[in-house]
């Protein structure tokens, strides 16, 4: 099993749902071995290009795809995920396998 990175890009909805989510999400993520490795907001000064930008970035490292799935499926947190969904707009959530270097990607053009 190898680590998986969940890249979350989103805008905040005009409500307090994500604020409520963020108060509990770190403990819920940690309970399944996840670790937030980066938080960010869209930079007004750094160059960006391509697509429609999102205001917020959260990058979570999971020890395995199974750990990530267990977080999503955990019945103890069933009320947590709707807070994330209701508290965000234009949400993108992508999972990436951890690589030690780019050779596997460069040698395999398939997604």
PDB file of N, CA and C in Angstrom:
ATOM      1  N   UNK A   1       0.844  -1.190   0.000  1.00  0.00           N
ATOM      2  CA  UNK A   1       0.000   0.000   0.000  1.00  0.00           C
ATOM      3  C   UNK A   1       0.881   1.242   0.000  1.00  0.00           C
ATOM      4  N   UNK A   2       0.457   2.206  -0.777  1.00  0.00           N
ATOM      5  CA  UNK A   2       1.204   3.455  -0.770  1.00  0.00           C
ATOM      6  C   UNK A   2       0.267   4.610  -0.441  1.00  0.00           C
ATOM      7  N   UNK A   3       0.878   5.696  -0.038  1.00  0.00           N
ATOM      8  CA  UNK A   3       0.119   6.878   0.362  1.00  0.00           C
ATOM      9  C   UNK A   3      -0.678   7.446  -0.804  1.00  0.00           C
ATOM     10  N   UNK A   4      -1.735   8.133  -0.447  1.00  0.00           N
ATOM     11  CA  UNK A   4      -2.596   8.833  -1.394  1.00  0.00           C
ATOM     12  C   UNK A   4      -2.724  10.271  -0.900  1.00  0.00           C
ATOM     13  N   UNK A   5      -2.665  11.207  -1.828  1.00  0.00           N
ATOM     14  CA  UNK A   5      -2.875  12.616  -1.513  1.00  0.00           C
ATOM     15  C   UNK A   5      -4.227  13.049  -2.040  1.00  0.00           C
ATOM     16  N   UNK A   6      -5.051  13.605  -1.166  1.00  0.00           N
ATOM     17  CA  UNK A   6      -6.349  14.143  -1.563  1.00  0.00           C
ATOM     18  C   UNK A   6      -6.201  15.653  -1.699  1.00  0.00           C
ATOM     19  N   UNK A   7      -6.350  16.121  -2.925  1.00  0.00           N
ATOM     20  CA  UNK A   7      -6.264  17.543  -3.228  1.00  0.00           C
ATOM     21  C   UNK A   7      -7.675  18.105  -3.248  1.00  0.00           C
ATOM     22  N   UNK A   8      -7.938  19.043  -2.369  1.00  0.00           N
ATOM     23  CA  UNK A   8      -9.247  19.686  -2.254  1.00  0.00           C
ATOM     24  C   UNK A   8      -9.096  21.147  -2.662  1.00  0.00           C
ATOM     25  N   UNK A   9      -9.833  21.563  -3.654  1.00  0.00           N
ATOM     26  CA  UNK A   9      -9.848  22.953  -4.100  1.00  0.00           C
ATOM     27  C   UNK A   9     -11.302  23.414  -4.087  1.00  0.00           C
ATOM     28  N   UNK A  10     -11.570  24.572  -3.490  1.00  0.00           N
ATOM     29  CA  UNK A  10     -12.959  25.002  -3.379  1.00  0.00           C
ATOM     30  C   UNK A  10     -13.060  26.474  -3.028  1.00  0.00           C
ATOM     31  N   UNK A  11     -14.271  26.982  -3.169  1.00  0.00           N
ATOM     32  CA  UNK A  11     -14.652  28.297  -2.667  1.00  0.00           C
ATOM     33  C   UNK A  11     -15.568  28.060  -1.468  1.00  0.00           C
ATOM     34  N   UNK A  12     -15.591  28.983  -0.548  1.00  0.00           N
ATOM     35  CA  UNK A  12     -16.483  28.862   0.601  1.00  0.00           C
ATOM     36  C   UNK A  12     -17.883  29.324   0.219  1.00  0.00           C
ATOM     37  N   UNK A  13     -18.877  28.591   0.694  1.00  0.00           N
ATOM     38  CA  UNK A  13     -20.275  28.980   0.503  1.00  0.00           C
ATOM     39  C   UNK A  13     -20.607  30.097   1.499  1.00  0.00           C
ATOM     40  N   UNK A  14     -21.645  30.866   1.213  1.00  0.00           N
ATOM     41  CA  UNK A  14     -22.004  31.976   2.106  1.00  0.00           C
ATOM     42  C   UNK A  14     -22.795  31.501   3.331  1.00  0.00           C
ATOM     43  N   UNK A  15     -22.200  30.587   4.105  1.00  0.00           N
ATOM     44  CA  UNK A  15     -22.816  30.091   5.339  1.00  0.00           C
ATOM     45  C   UNK A  15     -21.685  29.648   6.275  1.00  0.00           C
ATOM     46  N   UNK A  16     -22.035  29.105   7.426  1.00  0.00           N
ATOM     47  CA  UNK A  16     -21.025  28.690   8.399  1.00  0.00           C
ATOM     48  C   UNK A  16     -20.788  27.184   8.419  1.00  0.00           C
ATOM     49  N   UNK A  17     -21.289  26.451   7.412  1.00  0.00           N
ATOM     50  CA  UNK A  17     -21.134  24.995   7.401  1.00  0.00           C
ATOM     51  C   UNK A  17     -19.671  24.577   7.393  1.00  0.00           C
ATOM     52  N   UNK A  18     -18.834  25.219   6.586  1.00  0.00           N
ATOM     53  CA  UNK A  18     -17.436  24.794   6.535  1.00  0.00           C
ATOM     54  C   UNK A  18     -16.701  25.154   7.826  1.00  0.00           C
ATOM     55  N   UNK A  19     -17.086  26.220   8.459  1.00  0.00           N
ATOM     56  CA  UNK A  19     -16.510  26.565   9.763  1.00  0.00           C
ATOM     57  C   UNK A  19     -16.811  25.434  10.753  1.00  0.00           C
ATOM     58  N   UNK A  20     -18.028  24.933  10.752  1.00  0.00           N
ATOM     59  CA  UNK A  20     -18.402  23.810  11.619  1.00  0.00           C
ATOM     60  C   UNK A  20     -17.637  22.548  11.231  1.00  0.00           C
ATOM     61  N   UNK A  21     -17.488  22.315   9.942  1.00  0.00           N
ATOM     62  CA  UNK A  21     -16.738  21.164   9.457  1.00  0.00           C
ATOM     63  C   UNK A  21     -15.282  21.227   9.930  1.00  0.00           C
ATOM     64  N   UNK A  22     -14.674  22.379   9.793  1.00  0.00           N
ATOM     65  CA  UNK A  22     -13.249  22.504  10.101  1.00  0.00           C
ATOM     66  C   UNK A  22     -12.959  22.295  11.589  1.00  0.00           C
ATOM     67  N   UNK A  23     -13.916  22.545  12.455  1.00  0.00           N
ATOM     68  CA  UNK A  23     -13.711  22.339  13.892  1.00  0.00           C
ATOM     69  C   UNK A  23     -13.591  20.859  14.237  1.00  0.00           C
ATOM     70  N   UNK A  24     -14.156  19.988  13.413  1.00  0.00           N
ATOM     71  CA  UNK A  24     -14.152  18.548  13.700  1.00  0.00           C
ATOM     72  C   UNK A  24     -13.343  17.733  12.709  1.00  0.00           C
ATOM     73  N   UNK A  25     -13.024  18.283  11.566  1.00  0.00           N
ATOM     74  CA  UNK A  25     -12.446  17.469  10.497  1.00  0.00           C
ATOM     75  C   UNK A  25     -11.032  16.981  10.811  1.00  0.00           C
ATOM     76  N   UNK A  26     -10.217  17.769  11.483  1.00  0.00           N
ATOM     77  CA  UNK A  26      -8.841  17.336  11.757  1.00  0.00           C
ATOM     78  C   UNK A  26      -8.833  16.063  12.597  1.00  0.00           C
ATOM     79  N   UNK A  27      -9.684  15.990  13.612  1.00  0.00           N
ATOM     80  CA  UNK A  27      -9.757  14.785  14.449  1.00  0.00           C
ATOM     81  C   UNK A  27     -10.298  13.606  13.647  1.00  0.00           C
ATOM     82  N   UNK A  28     -11.279  13.840  12.805  1.00  0.00           N
ATOM     83  CA  UNK A  28     -11.860  12.758  11.995  1.00  0.00           C
ATOM     84  C   UNK A  28     -10.843  12.236  10.996  1.00  0.00           C
ATOM     85  N   UNK A  29     -10.114  13.134  10.356  1.00  0.00           N
ATOM     86  CA  UNK A  29      -9.076  12.739   9.397  1.00  0.00           C
ATOM     87  C   UNK A  29      -7.990  11.956  10.134  1.00  0.00           C
ATOM     88  N   UNK A  30      -7.543  12.461  11.269  1.00  0.00           N
ATOM     89  CA  UNK A  30      -6.494  11.810  12.044  1.00  0.00           C
ATOM     90  C   UNK A  30      -6.893  10.430  12.544  1.00  0.00           C
ATOM     91  N   UNK A  31      -8.169  10.238  12.827  1.00  0.00           N
ATOM     92  CA  UNK A  31      -8.648   8.942  13.306  1.00  0.00           C
ATOM     93  C   UNK A  31      -8.446   7.842  12.266  1.00  0.00           C
ATOM     94  N   UNK A  32      -8.297   8.233  11.009  1.00  0.00           N
ATOM     95  CA  UNK A  32      -8.091   7.260   9.929  1.00  0.00           C
ATOM     96  C   UNK A  32      -6.676   7.348   9.349  1.00  0.00           C
ATOM     97  N   UNK A  33      -5.776   7.988  10.067  1.00  0.00           N
ATOM     98  CA  UNK A  33      -4.382   8.061   9.644  1.00  0.00           C
ATOM     99  C   UNK A  33      -4.076   9.182   8.682  1.00  0.00           C
ATOM    100  N   UNK A  34      -5.059  10.030   8.384  1.00  0.00           N
ATOM    101  CA  UNK A  34      -4.825  11.150   7.482  1.00  0.00           C
ATOM    102  C   UNK A  34      -4.093  12.281   8.177  1.00  0.00           C
ATOM    103  N   UNK A  35      -3.439  13.099   7.359  1.00  0.00           N
ATOM    104  CA  UNK A  35      -2.666  14.227   7.886  1.00  0.00           C
ATOM    105  C   UNK A  35      -2.756  15.373   6.895  1.00  0.00           C
ATOM    106  N   UNK A  36      -3.201  16.524   7.364  1.00  0.00           N
ATOM    107  CA  UNK A  36      -3.235  17.714   6.511  1.00  0.00           C
ATOM    108  C   UNK A  36      -1.794  18.184   6.338  1.00  0.00           C
ATOM    109  N   UNK A  37      -1.327  18.207   5.091  1.00  0.00           N
ATOM    110  CA  UNK A  37       0.060  18.603   4.831  1.00  0.00           C
ATOM    111  C   UNK A  37       0.159  20.015   4.260  1.00  0.00           C
ATOM    112  N   UNK A  38      -0.946  20.562   3.777  1.00  0.00           N
ATOM    113  CA  UNK A  38      -0.907  21.938   3.269  1.00  0.00           C
ATOM    114  C   UNK A  38      -2.301  22.547   3.306  1.00  0.00           C
ATOM    115  N   UNK A  39      -2.340  23.792   3.703  1.00  0.00           N
ATOM    116  CA  UNK A  39      -3.527  24.639   3.622  1.00  0.00           C
ATOM    117  C   UNK A  39      -3.113  25.880   2.848  1.00  0.00           C
ATOM    118  N   UNK A  40      -3.977  26.381   2.013  1.00  0.00           N
ATOM    119  CA  UNK A  40      -3.622  27.579   1.272  1.00  0.00           C
ATOM    120  C   UNK A  40      -4.832  28.360   0.818  1.00  0.00           C
ATOM    121  N   UNK A  41      -4.597  29.627   0.532  1.00  0.00           N
ATOM    122  CA  UNK A  41      -5.626  30.461  -0.092  1.00  0.00           C
ATOM    123  C   UNK A  41      -5.043  30.996  -1.386  1.00  0.00           C
ATOM    124  N   UNK A  42      -5.879  31.261  -2.330  1.00  0.00           N
ATOM    125  CA  UNK A  42      -5.446  31.750  -3.634  1.00  0.00           C
ATOM    126  C   UNK A  42      -4.620  33.013  -3.457  1.00  0.00           C
ATOM    127  N   UNK A  43      -3.459  33.002  -4.038  1.00  0.00           N
ATOM    128  CA  UNK A  43      -2.544  34.126  -3.909  1.00  0.00           C
ATOM    129  C   UNK A  43      -2.906  35.232  -4.889  1.00  0.00           C
ATOM    130  N   UNK A  44      -2.911  36.437  -4.390  1.00  0.00           N
ATOM    131  CA  UNK A  44      -3.140  37.590  -5.256  1.00  0.00           C
ATOM    132  C   UNK A  44      -1.846  38.008  -5.946  1.00  0.00           C
ATOM    133  N   UNK A  45      -0.693  37.553  -5.421  1.00  0.00           N
ATOM    134  CA  UNK A  45       0.592  38.010  -5.918  1.00  0.00           C
ATOM    135  C   UNK A  45       1.357  36.984  -6.744  1.00  0.00           C
ATOM    136  N   UNK A  46       1.160  35.708  -6.463  1.00  0.00           N
ATOM    137  CA  UNK A  46       1.916  34.669  -7.181  1.00  0.00           C
ATOM    138  C   UNK A  46       1.241  34.360  -8.513  1.00  0.00           C
ATOM    139  N   UNK A  47       2.019  34.018  -9.531  1.00  0.00           N
ATOM    140  CA  UNK A  47       1.417  33.724 -10.828  1.00  0.00           C
ATOM    141  C   UNK A  47       0.611  32.435 -10.785  1.00  0.00           C
ATOM    142  N   UNK A  48      -0.516  32.435 -11.455  1.00  0.00           N
ATOM    143  CA  UNK A  48      -1.381  31.270 -11.605  1.00  0.00           C
ATOM    144  C   UNK A  48      -1.877  31.255 -13.037  1.00  0.00           C
ATOM    145  N   UNK A  49      -2.228  30.061 -13.507  1.00  0.00           N
ATOM    146  CA  UNK A  49      -2.727  29.965 -14.873  1.00  0.00           C
ATOM    147  C   UNK A  49      -3.620  28.745 -15.021  1.00  0.00           C
ATOM    148  N   UNK A  50      -4.532  28.800 -15.955  1.00  0.00           N
ATOM    149  CA  UNK A  50      -5.350  27.657 -16.323  1.00  0.00           C
ATOM    150  C   UNK A  50      -6.585  27.459 -15.479  1.00  0.00           C
ATOM    151  N   UNK A  51      -7.695  27.208 -16.132  1.00  0.00           N
ATOM    152  CA  UNK A  51      -8.924  26.852 -15.444  1.00  0.00           C
ATOM    153  C   UNK A  51      -9.500  27.970 -14.607  1.00  0.00           C
ATOM    154  N   UNK A  52     -10.518  27.606 -13.863  1.00  0.00           N
ATOM    155  CA  UNK A  52     -11.157  28.539 -12.941  1.00  0.00           C
ATOM    156  C   UNK A  52     -10.546  28.356 -11.563  1.00  0.00           C
ATOM    157  N   UNK A  53      -9.897  29.371 -11.034  1.00  0.00           N
ATOM    158  CA  UNK A  53      -9.243  29.214  -9.737  1.00  0.00           C
ATOM    159  C   UNK A  53     -10.265  29.021  -8.621  1.00  0.00           C
ATOM    160  N   UNK A  54      -9.841  28.338  -7.589  1.00  0.00           N
ATOM    161  CA  UNK A  54     -10.615  28.188  -6.361  1.00  0.00           C
ATOM    162  C   UNK A  54      -9.878  28.951  -5.274  1.00  0.00           C
ATOM    163  N   UNK A  55     -10.608  29.427  -4.291  1.00  0.00           N
ATOM    164  CA  UNK A  55     -10.030  30.284  -3.260  1.00  0.00           C
ATOM    165  C   UNK A  55      -9.232  29.514  -2.215  1.00  0.00           C
ATOM    166  N   UNK A  56      -9.606  28.257  -1.942  1.00  0.00           N
ATOM    167  CA  UNK A  56      -9.011  27.501  -0.842  1.00  0.00           C
ATOM    168  C   UNK A  56      -8.406  26.200  -1.355  1.00  0.00           C
ATOM    169  N   UNK A  57      -7.260  25.819  -0.776  1.00  0.00           N
ATOM    170  CA  UNK A  57      -6.592  24.548  -1.053  1.00  0.00           C
ATOM    171  C   UNK A  57      -6.386  23.821   0.267  1.00  0.00           C
ATOM    172  N   UNK A  58      -6.729  22.528   0.285  1.00  0.00           N
ATOM    173  CA  UNK A  58      -6.401  21.647   1.405  1.00  0.00           C
ATOM    174  C   UNK A  58      -5.807  20.388   0.790  1.00  0.00           C
ATOM    175  N   UNK A  59      -4.617  20.009   1.242  1.00  0.00           N
ATOM    176  CA  UNK A  59      -3.958  18.792   0.778  1.00  0.00           C
ATOM    177  C   UNK A  59      -3.811  17.849   1.965  1.00  0.00           C
ATOM    178  N   UNK A  60      -4.412  16.650   1.828  1.00  0.00           N
ATOM    179  CA  UNK A  60      -4.391  15.662   2.904  1.00  0.00           C
ATOM    180  C   UNK A  60      -3.639  14.430   2.427  1.00  0.00           C
ATOM    181  N   UNK A  61      -2.699  13.959   3.247  1.00  0.00           N
ATOM    182  CA  UNK A  61      -1.994  12.716   2.961  1.00  0.00           C
ATOM    183  C   UNK A  61      -2.665  11.590   3.740  1.00  0.00           C
ATOM    184  N   UNK A  62      -3.018  10.531   3.016  1.00  0.00           N
ATOM    185  CA  UNK A  62      -3.611   9.331   3.602  1.00  0.00           C
ATOM    186  C   UNK A  62      -2.611   8.197   3.478  1.00  0.00           C
ATOM    187  N   UNK A  63      -2.526   7.303   4.469  1.00  0.00           N
ATOM    188  CA  UNK A  63      -1.562   6.214   4.374  1.00  0.00           C
ATOM    189  C   UNK A  63      -1.882   5.221   3.257  1.00  0.00           C
ATOM    190  N   UNK A  64      -3.140   5.180   2.810  1.00  0.00           N
ATOM    191  CA  UNK A  64      -3.544   4.247   1.763  1.00  0.00           C
ATOM    192  C   UNK A  64      -4.896   4.668   1.204  1.00  0.00           C
ATOM    193  N   UNK A  65      -5.250   4.168   0.029  1.00  0.00           N
ATOM    194  CA  UNK A  65      -6.597   4.435  -0.487  1.00  0.00           C
ATOM    195  C   UNK A  65      -7.680   3.898   0.456  1.00  0.00           C
ATOM    196  N   UNK A  66      -7.395   2.785   1.118  1.00  0.00           N
ATOM    197  CA  UNK A  66      -8.372   2.198   2.038  1.00  0.00           C
ATOM    198  C   UNK A  66      -8.627   3.106   3.240  1.00  0.00           C
ATOM    199  N   UNK A  67      -7.583   3.752   3.733  1.00  0.00           N
ATOM    200  CA  UNK A  67      -7.747   4.687   4.853  1.00  0.00           C
ATOM    201  C   UNK A  67      -8.603   5.880   4.438  1.00  0.00           C
ATOM    202  N   UNK A  68      -8.371   6.371   3.230  1.00  0.00           N
ATOM    203  CA  UNK A  68      -9.163   7.478   2.701  1.00  0.00           C
ATOM    204  C   UNK A  68     -10.630   7.062   2.582  1.00  0.00           C
ATOM    205  N   UNK A  69     -10.865   5.875   2.045  1.00  0.00           N
ATOM    206  CA  UNK A  69     -12.233   5.375   1.890  1.00  0.00           C
ATOM    207  C   UNK A  69     -12.881   5.164   3.257  1.00  0.00           C
ATOM    208  N   UNK A  70     -12.129   4.670   4.225  1.00  0.00           N
ATOM    209  CA  UNK A  70     -12.667   4.463   5.571  1.00  0.00           C
ATOM    210  C   UNK A  70     -13.114   5.785   6.187  1.00  0.00           C
ATOM    211  N   UNK A  71     -12.358   6.843   5.968  1.00  0.00           N
ATOM    212  CA  UNK A  71     -12.757   8.173   6.432  1.00  0.00           C
ATOM    213  C   UNK A  71     -14.092   8.579   5.802  1.00  0.00           C
ATOM    214  N   UNK A  72     -14.189   8.395   4.499  1.00  0.00           N
ATOM    215  CA  UNK A  72     -15.419   8.788   3.795  1.00  0.00           C
ATOM    216  C   UNK A  72     -16.622   7.962   4.246  1.00  0.00           C
ATOM    217  N   UNK A  73     -16.401   6.669   4.589  1.00  0.00           N
ATOM    218  CA  UNK A  73     -17.493   5.759   4.919  1.00  0.00           C
ATOM    219  C   UNK A  73     -17.785   5.647   6.413  1.00  0.00           C
ATOM    220  N   UNK A  74     -16.999   6.279   7.260  1.00  0.00           N
ATOM    221  CA  UNK A  74     -17.139   6.127   8.704  1.00  0.00           C
ATOM    222  C   UNK A  74     -18.510   6.622   9.177  1.00  0.00           C
ATOM    223  N   UNK A  75     -19.340   5.734   9.737  1.00  0.00           N
ATOM    224  CA  UNK A  75     -20.673   6.159  10.178  1.00  0.00           C
ATOM    225  C   UNK A  75     -20.636   7.152  11.336  1.00  0.00           C
ATOM    226  N   UNK A  76     -19.522   7.168  12.092  1.00  0.00           N
ATOM    227  CA  UNK A  76     -19.407   8.140  13.181  1.00  0.00           C
ATOM    228  C   UNK A  76     -19.273   9.570  12.668  1.00  0.00           C
ATOM    229  N   UNK A  77     -18.958   9.704  11.383  1.00  0.00           N
ATOM    230  CA  UNK A  77     -18.792  11.033  10.790  1.00  0.00           C
ATOM    231  C   UNK A  77     -19.798  11.293   9.676  1.00  0.00           C
ATOM    232  N   UNK A  78     -20.888  10.562   9.660  1.00  0.00           N
ATOM    233  CA  UNK A  78     -21.881  10.718   8.604  1.00  0.00           C
ATOM    234  C   UNK A  78     -22.446  12.139   8.558  1.00  0.00           C
ATOM    235  N   UNK A  79     -22.527  12.791   9.703  1.00  0.00           N
ATOM    236  CA  UNK A  79     -23.044  14.154   9.740  1.00  0.00           C
ATOM    237  C   UNK A  79     -21.983  15.188   9.383  1.00  0.00           C
ATOM    238  N   UNK A  80     -20.722  14.762   9.296  1.00  0.00           N
ATOM    239  CA  UNK A  80     -19.626  15.682   9.009  1.00  0.00           C
ATOM    240  C   UNK A  80     -19.536  16.033   7.526  1.00  0.00           C
ATOM    241  N   UNK A  81     -19.647  15.041   6.670  1.00  0.00           N
ATOM    242  CA  UNK A  81     -19.467  15.266   5.232  1.00  0.00           C
ATOM    243  C   UNK A  81     -20.495  16.238   4.638  1.00  0.00           C
ATOM    244  N   UNK A  82     -21.756  16.222   5.067  1.00  0.00           N
ATOM    245  CA  UNK A  82     -22.696  17.232   4.555  1.00  0.00           C
ATOM    246  C   UNK A  82     -22.293  18.667   4.911  1.00  0.00           C
ATOM    247  N   UNK A  83     -21.579  18.844   6.021  1.00  0.00           N
ATOM    248  CA  UNK A  83     -21.098  20.186   6.357  1.00  0.00           C
ATOM    249  C   UNK A  83     -20.059  20.656   5.344  1.00  0.00           C
ATOM    250  N   UNK A  84     -19.170  19.744   4.931  1.00  0.00           N
ATOM    251  CA  UNK A  84     -18.176  20.088   3.904  1.00  0.00           C
ATOM    252  C   UNK A  84     -18.879  20.410   2.590  1.00  0.00           C
ATOM    253  N   UNK A  85     -19.815  19.555   2.226  1.00  0.00           N
ATOM    254  CA  UNK A  85     -20.516  19.741   0.958  1.00  0.00           C
ATOM    255  C   UNK A  85     -21.350  21.021   0.953  1.00  0.00           C
ATOM    256  N   UNK A  86     -22.040  21.293   2.051  1.00  0.00           N
ATOM    257  CA  UNK A  86     -22.877  22.491   2.119  1.00  0.00           C
ATOM    258  C   UNK A  86     -22.093  23.768   2.333  1.00  0.00           C
ATOM    259  N   UNK A  87     -20.877  23.637   2.843  1.00  0.00           N
ATOM    260  CA  UNK A  87     -20.070  24.806   3.153  1.00  0.00           C
ATOM    261  C   UNK A  87     -19.125  25.226   2.047  1.00  0.00           C
ATOM    262  N   UNK A  88     -19.180  24.503   0.910  1.00  0.00           N
ATOM    263  CA  UNK A  88     -18.280  24.809  -0.197  1.00  0.00           C
ATOM    264  C   UNK A  88     -19.050  24.961  -1.500  1.00  0.00           C
ATOM    265  N   UNK A  89     -18.396  25.608  -2.429  1.00  0.00           N
ATOM    266  CA  UNK A  89     -18.902  25.749  -3.795  1.00  0.00           C
ATOM    267  C   UNK A  89     -17.746  25.467  -4.749  1.00  0.00           C
ATOM    268  N   UNK A  90     -18.073  25.060  -5.961  1.00  0.00           N
ATOM    269  CA  UNK A  90     -17.051  24.809  -6.988  1.00  0.00           C
ATOM    270  C   UNK A  90     -15.994  23.831  -6.485  1.00  0.00           C
ATOM    271  N   UNK A  91     -16.433  22.802  -5.806  1.00  0.00           N
ATOM    272  CA  UNK A  91     -15.547  21.863  -5.108  1.00  0.00           C
ATOM    273  C   UNK A  91     -14.901  20.890  -6.079  1.00  0.00           C
ATOM    274  N   UNK A  92     -13.590  20.759  -5.989  1.00  0.00           N
ATOM    275  CA  UNK A  92     -12.835  19.741  -6.715  1.00  0.00           C
ATOM    276  C   UNK A  92     -12.119  18.890  -5.683  1.00  0.00           C
ATOM    277  N   UNK A  93     -12.222  17.578  -5.814  1.00  0.00           N
ATOM    278  CA  UNK A  93     -11.586  16.663  -4.874  1.00  0.00           C
ATOM    279  C   UNK A  93     -10.955  15.562  -5.696  1.00  0.00           C
ATOM    280  N   UNK A  94      -9.642  15.553  -5.763  1.00  0.00           N
ATOM    281  CA  UNK A  94      -8.899  14.588  -6.569  1.00  0.00           C
ATOM    282  C   UNK A  94      -7.944  13.824  -5.670  1.00  0.00           C
ATOM    283  N   UNK A  95      -7.795  12.529  -5.921  1.00  0.00           N
ATOM    284  CA  UNK A  95      -6.844  11.705  -5.170  1.00  0.00           C
ATOM    285  C   UNK A  95      -5.683  11.334  -6.087  1.00  0.00           C
ATOM    286  N   UNK A  96      -4.465  11.457  -5.566  1.00  0.00           N
ATOM    287  CA  UNK A  96      -3.252  11.169  -6.319  1.00  0.00           C
ATOM    288  C   UNK A  96      -2.409  10.150  -5.559  1.00  0.00           C
ATOM    289  N   UNK A  97      -1.921   9.146  -6.270  1.00  0.00           N
ATOM    290  CA  UNK A  97      -1.000   8.189  -5.668  1.00  0.00           C
ATOM    291  C   UNK A  97       0.344   8.869  -5.436  1.00  0.00           C
ATOM    292  N   UNK A  98       0.981   8.529  -4.325  1.00  0.00           N
ATOM    293  CA  UNK A  98       2.300   9.074  -4.024  1.00  0.00           C
ATOM    294  C   UNK A  98       3.330   8.486  -4.982  1.00  0.00           C
ATOM    295  N   UNK A  99       4.218   9.325  -5.464  1.00  0.00           N
ATOM    296  CA  UNK A  99       5.331   8.902  -6.317  1.00  0.00           C
ATOM    297  C   UNK A  99       6.637   9.311  -5.664  1.00  0.00           C
ATOM    298  N   UNK A 100       7.645   8.496  -5.836  1.00  0.00           N
ATOM    299  CA  UNK A 100       8.984   8.862  -5.375  1.00  0.00           C
ATOM    300  C   UNK A 100       9.686   9.719  -6.420  1.00  0.00           C
ATOM    301  N   UNK A 101       9.332   9.523  -7.694  1.00  0.00           N
ATOM    302  CA  UNK A 101       9.838  10.358  -8.785  1.00  0.00           C
ATOM    303  C   UNK A 101       8.836  10.272  -9.937  1.00  0.00           C
ATOM    304  N   UNK A 102       9.072  11.018 -10.987  1.00  0.00           N
ATOM    305  CA  UNK A 102       8.113  11.119 -12.094  1.00  0.00           C
ATOM    306  C   UNK A 102       8.252  10.034 -13.161  1.00  0.00           C
ATOM    307  N   UNK A 103       9.229   9.155 -13.056  1.00  0.00           N
ATOM    308  CA  UNK A 103       9.426   8.149 -14.097  1.00  0.00           C
ATOM    309  C   UNK A 103       8.175   7.326 -14.406  1.00  0.00           C
ATOM    310  N   UNK A 104       7.404   6.878 -13.394  1.00  0.00           N
ATOM    311  CA  UNK A 104       6.201   6.115 -13.742  1.00  0.00           C
ATOM    312  C   UNK A 104       5.219   6.898 -14.606  1.00  0.00           C
ATOM    313  N   UNK A 105       5.112   8.188 -14.360  1.00  0.00           N
ATOM    314  CA  UNK A 105       4.214   9.030 -15.152  1.00  0.00           C
ATOM    315  C   UNK A 105       4.781   9.262 -16.540  1.00  0.00           C
ATOM    316  N   UNK A 106       6.078   9.528 -16.602  1.00  0.00           N
ATOM    317  CA  UNK A 106       6.714   9.802 -17.889  1.00  0.00           C
ATOM    318  C   UNK A 106       6.728   8.580 -18.791  1.00  0.00           C
ATOM    319  N   UNK A 107       6.761   7.393 -18.200  1.00  0.00           N
ATOM    320  CA  UNK A 107       6.810   6.157 -18.979  1.00  0.00           C
ATOM    321  C   UNK A 107       5.428   5.613 -19.310  1.00  0.00           C
ATOM    322  N   UNK A 108       4.396   6.141 -18.682  1.00  0.00           N
ATOM    323  CA  UNK A 108       3.038   5.677 -18.911  1.00  0.00           C
ATOM    324  C   UNK A 108       2.137   6.865 -19.180  1.00  0.00           C
ATOM    325  N   UNK A 109       1.722   7.029 -20.385  1.00  0.00           N
ATOM    326  CA  UNK A 109       0.934   8.211 -20.777  1.00  0.00           C
ATOM    327  C   UNK A 109      -0.540   8.083 -20.408  1.00  0.00           C
ATOM    328  N   UNK A 110      -0.975   6.924 -19.937  1.00  0.00           N
ATOM    329  CA  UNK A 110      -2.376   6.738 -19.546  1.00  0.00           C
ATOM    330  C   UNK A 110      -2.605   7.365 -18.191  1.00  0.00           C
ATOM    331  N   UNK A 111      -3.817   7.897 -17.944  1.00  0.00           N
ATOM    332  CA  UNK A 111      -4.120   8.502 -16.624  1.00  0.00           C
ATOM    333  C   UNK A 111      -4.127   7.481 -15.530  1.00  0.00           C
TER     334      UNK A 111
END
